Amino acid sequence: MTDDNRDPTPDAIRQAGQRSTADVAHLFDIAGREDEAIRLLDGCVAQLREVQQAKAALKTLPAADLRAALEFRRRALGDELA
């Protein structure tokens, strides 16, 4: 209880180092997702590397090749929308 006879807030209890069993169980749930988070992050990093490699490769292509590829993509998208 605080000095003004009200129950302490959950934040105040946590700051004092006291947590409910449910709070502790929730922390275990969060900590248990570490492997999944790392796996997802690895996938994102791999995808980012692939994107960066593609962008670097595009920078080396002649303008005519880029225009032809853009036209190809435009036609492909047009076919999908039709």
C-alpha atoms as a PDB file:
ATOM      1  CA  MET A   1       0.000   0.000   0.000  1.00  0.00           C
ATOM      2  CA  THR A   2       1.157   3.507  -0.702  1.00  0.00           C
ATOM      3  CA  ASP A   3       1.166   6.349   1.797  1.00  0.00           C
ATOM      4  CA  ASP A   4      -2.249   7.529   0.613  1.00  0.00           C
ATOM      5  CA  ASN A   5      -3.770   4.046   1.301  1.00  0.00           C
ATOM      6  CA  ARG A   6      -4.300   3.153  -2.357  1.00  0.00           C
ATOM      7  CA  ASP A   7      -3.078  -0.102  -3.865  1.00  0.00           C
ATOM      8  CA  PRO A   8       0.150   0.368  -5.795  1.00  0.00           C
ATOM      9  CA  THR A   9      -0.123   0.386  -9.569  1.00  0.00           C
ATOM     10  CA  PRO A  10       1.166  -2.588 -11.565  1.00  0.00           C
ATOM     11  CA  ASP A  11       4.034  -0.403 -12.799  1.00  0.00           C
ATOM     12  CA  ALA A  12       4.969   0.515  -9.246  1.00  0.00           C
ATOM     13  CA  ILE A  13       4.946  -3.148  -8.249  1.00  0.00           C
ATOM     14  CA  ARG A  14       7.164  -4.049 -11.220  1.00  0.00           C
ATOM     15  CA  GLN A  15       9.552  -1.221 -10.401  1.00  0.00           C
ATOM     16  CA  ALA A  16       9.791  -2.506  -6.843  1.00  0.00           C
ATOM     17  CA  GLY A  17      10.855  -5.894  -8.231  1.00  0.00           C
ATOM     18  CA  GLN A  18       7.600  -7.670  -7.396  1.00  0.00           C
ATOM     19  CA  ARG A  19       5.795  -9.420 -10.222  1.00  0.00           C
ATOM     20  CA  SER A  20       2.733 -11.573 -10.262  1.00  0.00           C
ATOM     21  CA  THR A  21       2.963 -15.201 -11.280  1.00  0.00           C
ATOM     22  CA  ALA A  22       1.111 -14.281 -14.485  1.00  0.00           C
ATOM     23  CA  ASP A  23       3.669 -11.540 -15.217  1.00  0.00           C
ATOM     24  CA  VAL A  24       6.537 -13.989 -14.730  1.00  0.00           C
ATOM     25  CA  ALA A  25       4.813 -16.597 -16.895  1.00  0.00           C
ATOM     26  CA  HIS A  26       4.364 -13.948 -19.592  1.00  0.00           C
ATOM     27  CA  LEU A  27       8.093 -13.165 -19.423  1.00  0.00           C
ATOM     28  CA  PHE A  28       8.825 -16.863 -19.995  1.00  0.00           C
ATOM     29  CA  ASP A  29       6.506 -16.795 -23.028  1.00  0.00           C
ATOM     30  CA  ILE A  30       8.380 -13.826 -24.462  1.00  0.00           C
ATOM     31  CA  ALA A  31      11.807 -15.299 -23.735  1.00  0.00           C
ATOM     32  CA  GLY A  32      10.719 -18.573 -25.336  1.00  0.00           C
ATOM     33  CA  ARG A  33      10.194 -16.805 -28.666  1.00  0.00           C
ATOM     34  CA  GLU A  34      13.879 -15.940 -29.021  1.00  0.00           C
ATOM     35  CA  ASP A  35      14.660 -18.729 -31.498  1.00  0.00           C
ATOM     36  CA  GLU A  36      11.696 -17.738 -33.662  1.00  0.00           C
ATOM     37  CA  ALA A  37      12.745 -14.082 -33.584  1.00  0.00           C
ATOM     38  CA  ILE A  38      16.294 -14.982 -34.601  1.00  0.00           C
ATOM     39  CA  ARG A  39      15.005 -17.196 -37.428  1.00  0.00           C
ATOM     40  CA  LEU A  40      12.758 -14.408 -38.701  1.00  0.00           C
ATOM     41  CA  LEU A  41      15.552 -11.875 -38.444  1.00  0.00           C
ATOM     42  CA  ASP A  42      17.914 -14.185 -40.342  1.00  0.00           C
ATOM     43  CA  GLY A  43      15.313 -14.453 -43.097  1.00  0.00           C
ATOM     44  CA  CYS A  44      14.920 -10.688 -43.236  1.00  0.00           C
ATOM     45  CA  VAL A  45      18.673 -10.166 -43.396  1.00  0.00           C
ATOM     46  CA  ALA A  46      18.974 -12.734 -46.188  1.00  0.00           C
ATOM     47  CA  GLN A  47      16.166 -11.012 -48.098  1.00  0.00           C
ATOM     48  CA  LEU A  48      17.820  -7.619 -47.599  1.00  0.00           C
ATOM     49  CA  ARG A  49      21.114  -8.963 -48.952  1.00  0.00           C
ATOM     50  CA  GLU A  50      19.301 -10.352 -51.986  1.00  0.00           C
ATOM     51  CA  VAL A  51      17.636  -6.968 -52.577  1.00  0.00           C
ATOM     52  CA  GLN A  52      20.954  -5.144 -52.281  1.00  0.00           C
ATOM     53  CA  GLN A  53      22.616  -7.559 -54.718  1.00  0.00           C
ATOM     54  CA  ALA A  54      19.790  -7.091 -57.223  1.00  0.00           C
ATOM     55  CA  LYS A  55      20.038  -3.314 -56.947  1.00  0.00           C
ATOM     56  CA  ALA A  56      23.799  -3.455 -57.441  1.00  0.00           C
ATOM     57  CA  ALA A  57      23.348  -5.664 -60.509  1.00  0.00           C
ATOM     58  CA  LEU A  58      20.727  -3.303 -61.963  1.00  0.00           C
ATOM     59  CA  LYS A  59      23.136  -0.392 -61.643  1.00  0.00           C
ATOM     60  CA  THR A  60      25.578  -2.140 -63.979  1.00  0.00           C
ATOM     61  CA  LEU A  61      23.091  -2.790 -66.797  1.00  0.00           C
ATOM     62  CA  PRO A  62      22.848  -0.635 -69.897  1.00  0.00           C
ATOM     63  CA  ALA A  63      19.829   1.659 -70.223  1.00  0.00           C
ATOM     64  CA  ALA A  64      18.437  -0.331 -73.166  1.00  0.00           C
ATOM     65  CA  ASP A  65      18.310  -3.508 -71.060  1.00  0.00           C
ATOM     66  CA  LEU A  66      16.596  -1.656 -68.226  1.00  0.00           C
ATOM     67  CA  ARG A  67      13.988  -0.153 -70.568  1.00  0.00           C
ATOM     68  CA  ALA A  68      13.288  -3.558 -72.135  1.00  0.00           C
ATOM     69  CA  ALA A  69      12.878  -5.168 -68.704  1.00  0.00           C
ATOM     70  CA  LEU A  70      10.561  -2.385 -67.536  1.00  0.00           C
ATOM     71  CA  GLU A  71       8.418  -2.812 -70.647  1.00  0.00           C
ATOM     72  CA  PHE A  72       8.348  -6.578 -70.085  1.00  0.00           C
ATOM     73  CA  ARG A  73       7.203  -6.065 -66.488  1.00  0.00           C
ATOM     74  CA  ARG A  74       4.584  -3.519 -67.567  1.00  0.00           C
ATOM     75  CA  ARG A  75       3.131  -5.986 -70.069  1.00  0.00           C
ATOM     76  CA  ALA A  76       3.182  -8.787 -67.507  1.00  0.00           C
ATOM     77  CA  LEU A  77       1.363  -6.633 -64.968  1.00  0.00           C
ATOM     78  CA  GLY A  78      -1.141  -5.564 -67.624  1.00  0.00           C
ATOM     79  CA  ASP A  79      -1.894  -9.205 -68.381  1.00  0.00           C
ATOM     80  CA  GLU A  80      -2.451  -9.907 -64.678  1.00  0.00           C
ATOM     81  CA  LEU A  81      -4.851  -6.996 -64.329  1.00  0.00           C
ATOM     82  CA  ALA A  82      -6.878  -7.893 -67.436  1.00  0.00           C
END
